[in-house]
N, C-alpha and C. Protein backbone atom coordinates (compact mmCIF):
# COMPACT_ATOMS: atom_id res chain seq x y z
N MET A 1 -18.13 3.02 -2.67
CA MET A 1 -16.93 3.16 -3.47
C MET A 1 -16.02 4.24 -2.87
N ARG A 2 -16.63 5.31 -2.40
CA ARG A 2 -15.86 6.42 -1.83
C ARG A 2 -15.00 5.94 -0.66
N HIS A 3 -15.57 5.03 0.17
CA HIS A 3 -14.83 4.54 1.33
C HIS A 3 -13.64 3.70 0.91
N ILE A 4 -13.81 2.89 -0.12
CA ILE A 4 -12.70 2.07 -0.60
C ILE A 4 -11.59 2.96 -1.15
N ILE A 5 -11.97 3.93 -1.97
CA ILE A 5 -10.96 4.84 -2.53
C ILE A 5 -10.23 5.57 -1.40
N ASN A 6 -10.98 6.07 -0.42
CA ASN A 6 -10.34 6.76 0.70
C ASN A 6 -9.39 5.85 1.46
N PHE A 7 -9.78 4.60 1.66
CA PHE A 7 -8.91 3.71 2.41
C PHE A 7 -7.65 3.39 1.62
N TYR A 8 -7.77 3.30 0.31
CA TYR A 8 -6.57 3.07 -0.51
C TYR A 8 -5.66 4.30 -0.49
N ARG A 9 -6.24 5.47 -0.48
CA ARG A 9 -5.43 6.69 -0.36
C ARG A 9 -4.75 6.74 1.01
N TYR A 10 -5.50 6.38 2.03
CA TYR A 10 -4.93 6.32 3.39
C TYR A 10 -3.74 5.36 3.43
N ASN A 11 -3.94 4.13 2.96
CA ASN A 11 -2.85 3.16 2.99
C ASN A 11 -1.64 3.64 2.20
N SER A 12 -1.87 4.29 1.08
CA SER A 12 -0.77 4.82 0.27
C SER A 12 0.02 5.87 1.05
N ASP A 13 -0.69 6.80 1.68
CA ASP A 13 -0.02 7.85 2.45
C ASP A 13 0.75 7.27 3.64
N VAL A 14 0.11 6.36 4.37
CA VAL A 14 0.74 5.80 5.56
C VAL A 14 1.93 4.92 5.19
N ARG A 15 1.82 4.19 4.10
CA ARG A 15 2.94 3.35 3.64
C ARG A 15 4.21 4.18 3.46
N LYS A 16 4.05 5.38 2.94
CA LYS A 16 5.20 6.26 2.74
C LYS A 16 5.79 6.72 4.07
N LYS A 17 4.95 6.85 5.10
CA LYS A 17 5.45 7.21 6.43
C LYS A 17 6.32 6.09 6.99
N TYR A 18 5.99 4.84 6.67
CA TYR A 18 6.83 3.73 7.13
C TYR A 18 8.17 3.74 6.40
N LEU A 19 8.16 4.07 5.14
CA LEU A 19 9.44 4.21 4.43
C LEU A 19 10.28 5.32 5.06
N ASP A 20 9.64 6.43 5.40
CA ASP A 20 10.36 7.52 6.07
C ASP A 20 10.93 7.05 7.41
N ALA A 21 10.15 6.26 8.15
CA ALA A 21 10.63 5.75 9.44
C ALA A 21 11.79 4.77 9.26
N PHE A 22 11.74 3.98 8.18
CA PHE A 22 12.86 3.07 7.89
C PHE A 22 14.15 3.86 7.69
N GLU A 23 14.04 5.05 7.12
CA GLU A 23 15.23 5.89 6.87
C GLU A 23 15.98 6.18 8.17
N ASP A 24 15.26 6.20 9.29
CA ASP A 24 15.88 6.51 10.59
C ASP A 24 16.51 5.29 11.26
N LEU A 25 16.34 4.11 10.67
CA LEU A 25 16.89 2.89 11.24
C LEU A 25 18.17 2.49 10.54
N PRO A 26 19.08 1.83 11.24
CA PRO A 26 20.23 1.25 10.54
C PRO A 26 19.74 0.13 9.62
N TRP A 27 20.33 0.01 8.46
CA TRP A 27 19.90 -0.98 7.47
C TRP A 27 19.90 -2.39 8.06
N HIS A 28 20.87 -2.71 8.90
CA HIS A 28 20.93 -4.08 9.45
C HIS A 28 19.69 -4.40 10.29
N GLU A 29 19.02 -3.39 10.87
CA GLU A 29 17.78 -3.64 11.60
C GLU A 29 16.61 -3.87 10.65
N ILE A 30 16.65 -3.28 9.50
CA ILE A 30 15.57 -3.43 8.52
C ILE A 30 15.61 -4.82 7.89
N ILE A 31 16.81 -5.37 7.75
CA ILE A 31 16.94 -6.68 7.10
C ILE A 31 17.12 -7.83 8.10
N ARG A 32 17.22 -7.50 9.38
CA ARG A 32 17.38 -8.53 10.41
C ARG A 32 16.10 -9.34 10.58
N ASP A 33 16.25 -10.63 10.86
CA ASP A 33 15.10 -11.49 11.13
C ASP A 33 14.55 -11.13 12.51
N HIS A 34 13.36 -10.53 12.51
CA HIS A 34 12.69 -10.15 13.75
C HIS A 34 11.65 -11.19 14.15
N GLY A 35 11.58 -12.30 13.42
CA GLY A 35 10.63 -13.36 13.77
C GLY A 35 9.24 -13.16 13.23
N GLY A 36 9.07 -12.28 12.26
CA GLY A 36 7.76 -12.03 11.67
C GLY A 36 7.43 -13.01 10.56
N SER A 37 6.28 -12.82 9.97
CA SER A 37 5.79 -13.72 8.92
C SER A 37 6.75 -13.83 7.74
N PHE A 38 7.40 -12.76 7.39
CA PHE A 38 8.39 -12.77 6.31
C PHE A 38 9.75 -12.32 6.84
N HIS A 39 9.92 -12.55 8.12
CA HIS A 39 11.18 -12.41 8.86
C HIS A 39 11.61 -10.97 9.11
N SER A 40 11.99 -10.25 8.06
CA SER A 40 12.55 -8.91 8.26
C SER A 40 11.53 -7.83 7.93
N MET A 41 11.81 -6.63 8.41
CA MET A 41 10.95 -5.48 8.10
C MET A 41 10.90 -5.25 6.59
N ARG A 42 12.05 -5.34 5.95
CA ARG A 42 12.10 -5.17 4.50
C ARG A 42 11.20 -6.18 3.80
N ASN A 43 11.32 -7.44 4.17
CA ASN A 43 10.58 -8.47 3.46
C ASN A 43 9.09 -8.41 3.72
N ILE A 44 8.70 -8.01 4.91
CA ILE A 44 7.27 -7.85 5.20
C ILE A 44 6.70 -6.71 4.36
N PHE A 45 7.42 -5.59 4.32
CA PHE A 45 6.98 -4.44 3.52
C PHE A 45 6.88 -4.83 2.04
N LEU A 46 7.89 -5.54 1.53
CA LEU A 46 7.87 -5.95 0.12
C LEU A 46 6.77 -6.97 -0.15
N HIS A 47 6.48 -7.84 0.82
CA HIS A 47 5.41 -8.82 0.65
C HIS A 47 4.07 -8.13 0.38
N VAL A 48 3.79 -7.06 1.11
CA VAL A 48 2.53 -6.34 0.90
C VAL A 48 2.47 -5.81 -0.53
N LEU A 49 3.56 -5.24 -1.00
CA LEU A 49 3.60 -4.73 -2.38
C LEU A 49 3.42 -5.86 -3.38
N ASP A 50 4.06 -7.00 -3.11
CA ASP A 50 3.90 -8.16 -3.98
C ASP A 50 2.46 -8.67 -3.98
N ALA A 51 1.80 -8.62 -2.84
CA ALA A 51 0.41 -9.07 -2.77
C ALA A 51 -0.48 -8.20 -3.66
N TYR A 52 -0.21 -6.90 -3.66
CA TYR A 52 -0.95 -6.03 -4.58
C TYR A 52 -0.73 -6.48 -6.02
N ARG A 53 0.49 -6.76 -6.38
CA ARG A 53 0.78 -7.20 -7.76
C ARG A 53 0.09 -8.53 -8.05
N TYR A 54 0.17 -9.45 -7.09
CA TYR A 54 -0.43 -10.77 -7.26
C TYR A 54 -1.91 -10.63 -7.64
N TRP A 55 -2.65 -9.84 -6.87
CA TRP A 55 -4.09 -9.71 -7.10
C TRP A 55 -4.44 -8.76 -8.23
N LEU A 56 -3.83 -7.57 -8.25
CA LEU A 56 -4.32 -6.50 -9.12
C LEU A 56 -3.57 -6.37 -10.44
N GLU A 57 -2.39 -6.94 -10.51
CA GLU A 57 -1.67 -6.92 -11.79
C GLU A 57 -1.83 -8.24 -12.53
N TYR A 58 -1.80 -9.34 -11.79
CA TYR A 58 -1.84 -10.67 -12.43
C TYR A 58 -3.14 -11.43 -12.16
N GLY A 59 -3.59 -11.42 -10.92
CA GLY A 59 -4.76 -12.22 -10.55
C GLY A 59 -6.00 -11.89 -11.34
N ILE A 60 -6.35 -10.60 -11.40
CA ILE A 60 -7.60 -10.23 -12.09
C ILE A 60 -7.52 -10.46 -13.60
N LYS A 61 -6.32 -10.68 -14.10
CA LYS A 61 -6.16 -11.03 -15.52
C LYS A 61 -6.05 -12.54 -15.70
N ASP A 62 -6.17 -13.28 -14.57
CA ASP A 62 -6.00 -14.72 -14.55
C ASP A 62 -4.69 -15.12 -15.24
N ASP A 63 -3.63 -14.43 -14.83
CA ASP A 63 -2.31 -14.64 -15.44
C ASP A 63 -1.24 -14.89 -14.38
N LEU A 64 -1.59 -15.64 -13.34
CA LEU A 64 -0.65 -15.87 -12.25
C LEU A 64 0.57 -16.69 -12.68
N ARG A 65 0.48 -17.37 -13.82
CA ARG A 65 1.65 -18.10 -14.32
C ARG A 65 2.81 -17.14 -14.56
N GLN A 66 2.50 -15.89 -14.86
CA GLN A 66 3.52 -14.89 -15.14
C GLN A 66 4.04 -14.17 -13.89
N TYR A 67 3.34 -14.36 -12.78
CA TYR A 67 3.68 -13.64 -11.55
C TYR A 67 4.92 -14.24 -10.88
N THR A 68 5.80 -13.38 -10.45
CA THR A 68 6.90 -13.78 -9.57
C THR A 68 7.04 -12.69 -8.51
N SER A 69 7.33 -13.13 -7.29
CA SER A 69 7.55 -12.15 -6.24
C SER A 69 8.97 -11.60 -6.37
N VAL A 70 9.18 -10.42 -5.83
CA VAL A 70 10.51 -9.83 -5.91
C VAL A 70 11.43 -10.52 -4.92
N ASP A 71 12.70 -10.47 -5.21
CA ASP A 71 13.72 -11.02 -4.33
C ASP A 71 14.17 -9.91 -3.40
N GLY A 72 13.85 -10.05 -2.12
CA GLY A 72 14.21 -9.03 -1.14
C GLY A 72 15.69 -8.70 -1.13
N GLU A 73 16.51 -9.66 -1.44
CA GLU A 73 17.97 -9.45 -1.44
C GLU A 73 18.40 -8.42 -2.49
N CYS A 74 17.56 -8.17 -3.47
CA CYS A 74 17.88 -7.17 -4.50
C CYS A 74 17.67 -5.74 -4.00
N PHE A 75 17.05 -5.60 -2.84
CA PHE A 75 16.78 -4.28 -2.27
C PHE A 75 17.86 -4.00 -1.23
N LYS A 76 18.76 -3.09 -1.57
CA LYS A 76 19.95 -2.85 -0.75
C LYS A 76 19.82 -1.64 0.16
N ASN A 77 18.74 -0.88 0.02
CA ASN A 77 18.55 0.31 0.85
C ASN A 77 17.09 0.75 0.76
N VAL A 78 16.74 1.74 1.56
CA VAL A 78 15.35 2.21 1.59
C VAL A 78 14.98 2.87 0.26
N ASP A 79 15.92 3.50 -0.41
CA ASP A 79 15.61 4.10 -1.71
C ASP A 79 15.14 3.05 -2.71
N ASP A 80 15.76 1.86 -2.69
CA ASP A 80 15.31 0.77 -3.57
C ASP A 80 13.86 0.40 -3.24
N MET A 81 13.55 0.32 -1.96
CA MET A 81 12.19 -0.01 -1.53
C MET A 81 11.21 1.09 -1.94
N ARG A 82 11.64 2.33 -1.81
CA ARG A 82 10.79 3.48 -2.16
C ARG A 82 10.46 3.47 -3.66
N ARG A 83 11.45 3.16 -4.49
CA ARG A 83 11.20 3.10 -5.94
C ARG A 83 10.17 2.03 -6.28
N TYR A 84 10.32 0.86 -5.66
CA TYR A 84 9.37 -0.23 -5.90
C TYR A 84 7.98 0.15 -5.40
N GLU A 85 7.92 0.79 -4.24
CA GLU A 85 6.63 1.22 -3.70
C GLU A 85 5.94 2.19 -4.65
N ARG A 86 6.69 3.12 -5.22
CA ARG A 86 6.09 4.09 -6.16
C ARG A 86 5.51 3.37 -7.38
N THR A 87 6.23 2.38 -7.88
CA THR A 87 5.76 1.63 -9.05
C THR A 87 4.46 0.89 -8.74
N VAL A 88 4.45 0.18 -7.61
CA VAL A 88 3.26 -0.59 -7.24
C VAL A 88 2.12 0.35 -6.87
N ASP A 89 2.43 1.41 -6.15
CA ASP A 89 1.40 2.37 -5.75
C ASP A 89 0.73 2.99 -6.98
N SER A 90 1.50 3.28 -7.99
CA SER A 90 0.94 3.84 -9.23
C SER A 90 -0.01 2.85 -9.89
N LEU A 91 0.38 1.60 -9.96
CA LEU A 91 -0.46 0.55 -10.53
C LEU A 91 -1.78 0.46 -9.76
N VAL A 92 -1.68 0.42 -8.43
CA VAL A 92 -2.87 0.26 -7.58
C VAL A 92 -3.76 1.50 -7.67
N THR A 93 -3.17 2.66 -7.57
CA THR A 93 -3.95 3.91 -7.60
C THR A 93 -4.68 4.05 -8.93
N ASP A 94 -4.00 3.81 -10.03
CA ASP A 94 -4.64 3.92 -11.34
C ASP A 94 -5.83 2.98 -11.45
N LEU A 95 -5.67 1.76 -10.95
CA LEU A 95 -6.77 0.80 -11.04
C LEU A 95 -7.92 1.22 -10.13
N VAL A 96 -7.64 1.46 -8.86
CA VAL A 96 -8.70 1.74 -7.88
C VAL A 96 -9.44 3.03 -8.22
N GLU A 97 -8.71 4.07 -8.57
CA GLU A 97 -9.35 5.36 -8.85
C GLU A 97 -10.19 5.32 -10.13
N GLY A 98 -9.94 4.32 -10.98
CA GLY A 98 -10.70 4.20 -12.22
C GLY A 98 -11.93 3.31 -12.11
N LEU A 99 -12.16 2.73 -10.95
CA LEU A 99 -13.28 1.81 -10.78
C LEU A 99 -14.60 2.54 -10.56
N THR A 100 -15.67 1.89 -10.94
CA THR A 100 -17.03 2.37 -10.66
C THR A 100 -17.69 1.41 -9.66
N GLU A 101 -18.84 1.81 -9.16
CA GLU A 101 -19.61 0.93 -8.27
C GLU A 101 -19.88 -0.42 -8.93
N GLU A 102 -20.22 -0.38 -10.21
CA GLU A 102 -20.53 -1.62 -10.93
C GLU A 102 -19.30 -2.52 -11.02
N ASP A 103 -18.12 -1.91 -11.16
CA ASP A 103 -16.88 -2.70 -11.26
C ASP A 103 -16.64 -3.53 -10.00
N LEU A 104 -17.12 -3.06 -8.85
CA LEU A 104 -16.90 -3.79 -7.61
C LEU A 104 -17.53 -5.17 -7.63
N MET A 105 -18.60 -5.32 -8.40
CA MET A 105 -19.31 -6.60 -8.45
C MET A 105 -18.75 -7.53 -9.53
N THR A 106 -17.78 -7.07 -10.30
CA THR A 106 -17.17 -7.93 -11.31
C THR A 106 -16.56 -9.14 -10.61
N SER A 107 -16.88 -10.32 -11.12
CA SER A 107 -16.41 -11.56 -10.53
C SER A 107 -15.24 -12.12 -11.34
N TYR A 108 -14.24 -12.62 -10.64
CA TYR A 108 -13.04 -13.15 -11.29
C TYR A 108 -12.87 -14.61 -10.89
N SER A 109 -12.41 -15.41 -11.83
CA SER A 109 -11.96 -16.78 -11.58
C SER A 109 -10.46 -16.78 -11.82
N ILE A 110 -9.72 -16.97 -10.74
CA ILE A 110 -8.27 -16.84 -10.79
C ILE A 110 -7.66 -18.21 -10.55
N HIS A 111 -6.90 -18.68 -11.53
CA HIS A 111 -6.26 -19.99 -11.43
C HIS A 111 -4.89 -19.82 -10.79
N ASP A 112 -4.73 -20.46 -9.62
CA ASP A 112 -3.46 -20.44 -8.91
C ASP A 112 -3.03 -21.88 -8.69
N GLY A 113 -2.23 -22.38 -9.62
CA GLY A 113 -1.86 -23.80 -9.59
C GLY A 113 -3.09 -24.64 -9.83
N ASN A 114 -3.37 -25.56 -8.90
CA ASN A 114 -4.54 -26.43 -9.03
C ASN A 114 -5.79 -25.83 -8.40
N GLU A 115 -5.66 -24.66 -7.81
CA GLU A 115 -6.77 -24.00 -7.13
C GLU A 115 -7.39 -22.93 -8.03
N ILE A 116 -8.70 -22.80 -7.95
CA ILE A 116 -9.40 -21.72 -8.62
C ILE A 116 -10.02 -20.84 -7.54
N ILE A 117 -9.63 -19.57 -7.55
CA ILE A 117 -10.14 -18.62 -6.58
C ILE A 117 -11.23 -17.81 -7.25
N HIS A 118 -12.41 -17.77 -6.65
CA HIS A 118 -13.52 -16.97 -7.17
C HIS A 118 -13.68 -15.78 -6.23
N ALA A 119 -13.58 -14.59 -6.79
CA ALA A 119 -13.68 -13.40 -5.95
C ALA A 119 -14.17 -12.22 -6.78
N THR A 120 -14.92 -11.35 -6.14
CA THR A 120 -15.31 -10.11 -6.80
C THR A 120 -14.19 -9.09 -6.61
N MET A 121 -14.24 -8.04 -7.40
CA MET A 121 -13.28 -6.96 -7.24
C MET A 121 -13.37 -6.38 -5.83
N GLU A 122 -14.59 -6.22 -5.34
CA GLU A 122 -14.76 -5.68 -3.99
C GLU A 122 -14.07 -6.57 -2.96
N ALA A 123 -14.24 -7.88 -3.06
CA ALA A 123 -13.61 -8.80 -2.10
C ALA A 123 -12.09 -8.72 -2.19
N ILE A 124 -11.57 -8.61 -3.38
CA ILE A 124 -10.11 -8.49 -3.56
C ILE A 124 -9.61 -7.20 -2.92
N LEU A 125 -10.30 -6.11 -3.18
CA LEU A 125 -9.89 -4.82 -2.62
C LEU A 125 -9.97 -4.83 -1.10
N MET A 126 -11.04 -5.40 -0.55
CA MET A 126 -11.18 -5.47 0.90
C MET A 126 -10.11 -6.38 1.50
N HIS A 127 -9.82 -7.47 0.82
CA HIS A 127 -8.75 -8.37 1.28
C HIS A 127 -7.42 -7.64 1.36
N MET A 128 -7.13 -6.82 0.37
CA MET A 128 -5.83 -6.13 0.36
C MET A 128 -5.77 -5.05 1.44
N ILE A 129 -6.90 -4.45 1.79
CA ILE A 129 -6.89 -3.52 2.93
C ILE A 129 -6.51 -4.29 4.18
N GLU A 130 -7.16 -5.44 4.40
CA GLU A 130 -6.86 -6.28 5.56
C GLU A 130 -5.41 -6.76 5.53
N GLU A 131 -4.95 -7.17 4.38
CA GLU A 131 -3.57 -7.68 4.23
C GLU A 131 -2.55 -6.63 4.66
N GLU A 132 -2.74 -5.42 4.17
CA GLU A 132 -1.78 -4.37 4.50
C GLU A 132 -1.83 -4.02 5.98
N LEU A 133 -3.02 -3.93 6.55
CA LEU A 133 -3.14 -3.59 7.97
C LEU A 133 -2.54 -4.68 8.85
N GLN A 134 -2.77 -5.93 8.48
CA GLN A 134 -2.21 -7.04 9.25
C GLN A 134 -0.69 -6.95 9.30
N HIS A 135 -0.06 -6.73 8.16
CA HIS A 135 1.40 -6.69 8.12
C HIS A 135 1.94 -5.38 8.69
N ARG A 136 1.16 -4.31 8.62
CA ARG A 136 1.59 -3.07 9.26
C ARG A 136 1.67 -3.28 10.77
N GLY A 137 0.74 -4.05 11.31
CA GLY A 137 0.80 -4.39 12.74
C GLY A 137 2.08 -5.13 13.09
N GLU A 138 2.50 -6.03 12.22
CA GLU A 138 3.79 -6.71 12.44
C GLU A 138 4.94 -5.72 12.47
N LEU A 139 4.92 -4.79 11.51
CA LEU A 139 5.99 -3.79 11.47
C LEU A 139 5.97 -2.94 12.74
N ASN A 140 4.77 -2.58 13.21
CA ASN A 140 4.67 -1.82 14.45
C ASN A 140 5.36 -2.56 15.59
N CYS A 141 5.10 -3.86 15.72
CA CYS A 141 5.73 -4.66 16.77
C CYS A 141 7.25 -4.65 16.64
N MET A 142 7.73 -4.69 15.42
CA MET A 142 9.18 -4.69 15.20
C MET A 142 9.81 -3.36 15.58
N PHE A 143 9.09 -2.28 15.34
CA PHE A 143 9.56 -0.98 15.82
C PHE A 143 9.58 -0.97 17.35
N TRP A 144 8.49 -1.45 17.96
CA TRP A 144 8.41 -1.45 19.42
C TRP A 144 9.49 -2.32 20.04
N GLN A 145 9.83 -3.46 19.38
CA GLN A 145 10.91 -4.31 19.89
C GLN A 145 12.23 -3.54 19.98
N GLN A 146 12.37 -2.52 19.15
CA GLN A 146 13.59 -1.70 19.14
C GLN A 146 13.43 -0.44 19.99
N ASP A 147 12.31 -0.37 20.71
CA ASP A 147 12.00 0.79 21.56
C ASP A 147 11.83 2.07 20.74
N ILE A 148 11.22 1.92 19.57
CA ILE A 148 10.97 3.03 18.66
C ILE A 148 9.47 3.09 18.39
N ASP A 149 8.91 4.29 18.46
CA ASP A 149 7.50 4.45 18.13
C ASP A 149 7.31 4.38 16.62
N PRO A 150 6.43 3.50 16.15
CA PRO A 150 6.15 3.44 14.71
C PRO A 150 5.32 4.65 14.28
N PRO A 151 5.30 4.92 13.00
CA PRO A 151 4.54 6.08 12.50
C PRO A 151 3.05 5.79 12.36
N ILE A 152 2.43 5.44 13.47
CA ILE A 152 1.00 5.09 13.46
C ILE A 152 0.18 6.32 13.07
N THR A 153 -0.71 6.12 12.13
CA THR A 153 -1.61 7.18 11.68
C THR A 153 -3.01 6.58 11.65
N GLY A 154 -3.88 7.05 12.51
CA GLY A 154 -5.25 6.56 12.51
C GLY A 154 -6.03 7.07 11.32
N TYR A 155 -6.98 6.26 10.88
CA TYR A 155 -7.78 6.62 9.72
C TYR A 155 -8.58 7.90 9.95
N VAL A 156 -9.19 8.04 11.12
CA VAL A 156 -10.03 9.22 11.39
C VAL A 156 -9.18 10.49 11.34
N GLY A 157 -8.03 10.46 11.99
CA GLY A 157 -7.14 11.64 11.96
C GLY A 157 -6.68 11.96 10.55
N TRP A 158 -6.33 10.91 9.80
CA TRP A 158 -5.89 11.12 8.41
C TRP A 158 -7.03 11.74 7.61
N LEU A 159 -8.25 11.20 7.76
CA LEU A 159 -9.39 11.70 6.99
C LEU A 159 -9.69 13.15 7.35
N GLN A 160 -9.63 13.48 8.63
CA GLN A 160 -9.88 14.87 9.05
C GLN A 160 -8.82 15.79 8.44
N GLU A 161 -7.59 15.35 8.47
CA GLU A 161 -6.52 16.16 7.88
C GLU A 161 -6.75 16.39 6.39
N LYS A 162 -7.17 15.36 5.70
CA LYS A 162 -7.41 15.47 4.26
C LYS A 162 -8.62 16.33 3.94
N THR A 163 -9.65 16.24 4.75
CA THR A 163 -10.88 16.98 4.44
C THR A 163 -10.83 18.41 4.93
N THR A 164 -9.92 18.73 5.83
CA THR A 164 -9.82 20.12 6.30
C THR A 164 -8.79 20.91 5.51
N GLN A 165 -7.99 20.22 4.71
CA GLN A 165 -7.03 20.95 3.88
C GLN A 165 -7.79 21.62 2.75
N ARG A 166 -7.46 22.82 2.51
CA ARG A 166 -8.10 23.58 1.44
C ARG A 166 -7.06 23.86 0.36
N PRO A 167 -7.49 23.76 -0.88
CA PRO A 167 -6.54 24.09 -1.95
C PRO A 167 -6.17 25.57 -1.88
N PRO A 168 -4.97 25.91 -2.34
CA PRO A 168 -4.59 27.32 -2.32
C PRO A 168 -5.58 28.16 -3.12
N GLN A 169 -5.91 29.29 -2.59
CA GLN A 169 -6.85 30.19 -3.25
C GLN A 169 -6.07 31.09 -4.21
N PRO A 170 -6.62 31.32 -5.38
CA PRO A 170 -5.94 32.24 -6.30
C PRO A 170 -5.93 33.66 -5.72
N GLU A 171 -4.89 34.35 -6.05
CA GLU A 171 -4.82 35.74 -5.58
C GLU A 171 -5.97 36.52 -6.18
N SER A 172 -6.56 37.38 -5.36
CA SER A 172 -7.65 38.19 -5.90
C SER A 172 -7.03 39.29 -6.76
N ARG A 173 -7.69 39.57 -7.81
CA ARG A 173 -7.21 40.62 -8.71
C ARG A 173 -8.12 41.83 -8.58
N LYS A 174 -7.53 42.90 -8.22
CA LYS A 174 -8.33 44.12 -8.11
C LYS A 174 -8.33 44.80 -9.46
N ARG A 175 -9.48 45.27 -9.78
CA ARG A 175 -9.59 45.99 -11.03
C ARG A 175 -9.30 47.47 -10.77
N HIS A 176 -8.48 47.97 -11.58
CA HIS A 176 -8.15 49.39 -11.47
C HIS A 176 -8.97 50.17 -12.48
N PRO A 177 -9.56 51.23 -12.02
CA PRO A 177 -10.32 52.03 -12.99
C PRO A 177 -9.36 52.59 -14.03
N GLY A 178 -9.83 52.61 -15.16
CA GLY A 178 -8.98 53.27 -16.06
C GLY A 178 -8.98 53.11 -17.43
C-alpha cells in the first residue's frame, strides 16, 4: 500500500511540474495538434484527469451513465487547467490516502455501455499509474518536438528528495533560572 500511495504522490507532484512547464509555452503550442492520442498537449493532459474521474469518481460507484469528459475547448489557459487539476487531484488524493490494504482487494463490477468491467481497486489504481505515465511520455515527445526539455522527474530522485526533507524543528527554548 505504501508504494501505491507514494506513486500517487509522485504523479501528483510531477503533474504540477508539467503545468508549470506549460506556463513557459505559447498557448497556441499547447492547443496545437501535435499528432498525439488526444492531439494537443492540453487535451492529453485533460484526458489523464478525466480518466481518474472515470475510474475513481464514477466507475467504482458503477455510475458511468453520469460520467462525461470535459470539453477541452472550455480550457482557455493554463490557469483553467491548473484549477481542474487541483479538483481532480483532491478527489484522487482523498480516496487513495484513505485506503487500507484490505480495500485494495475490493472487487468492482463496472457497467460501461454493454460491457461489464471486473476489476479490483488495486488493478484500477495500477492501471491509472500506467495511464498517466503513458500519456506523460507523449507530452515529453511533444516538448522534444519543440526542442524543449520536459520536466522529467525520476521516481527514485523524487523519493530521495521527499525522504531526506526534514520538517522544520521547533526553536529550542532555554530555561532561565529565576
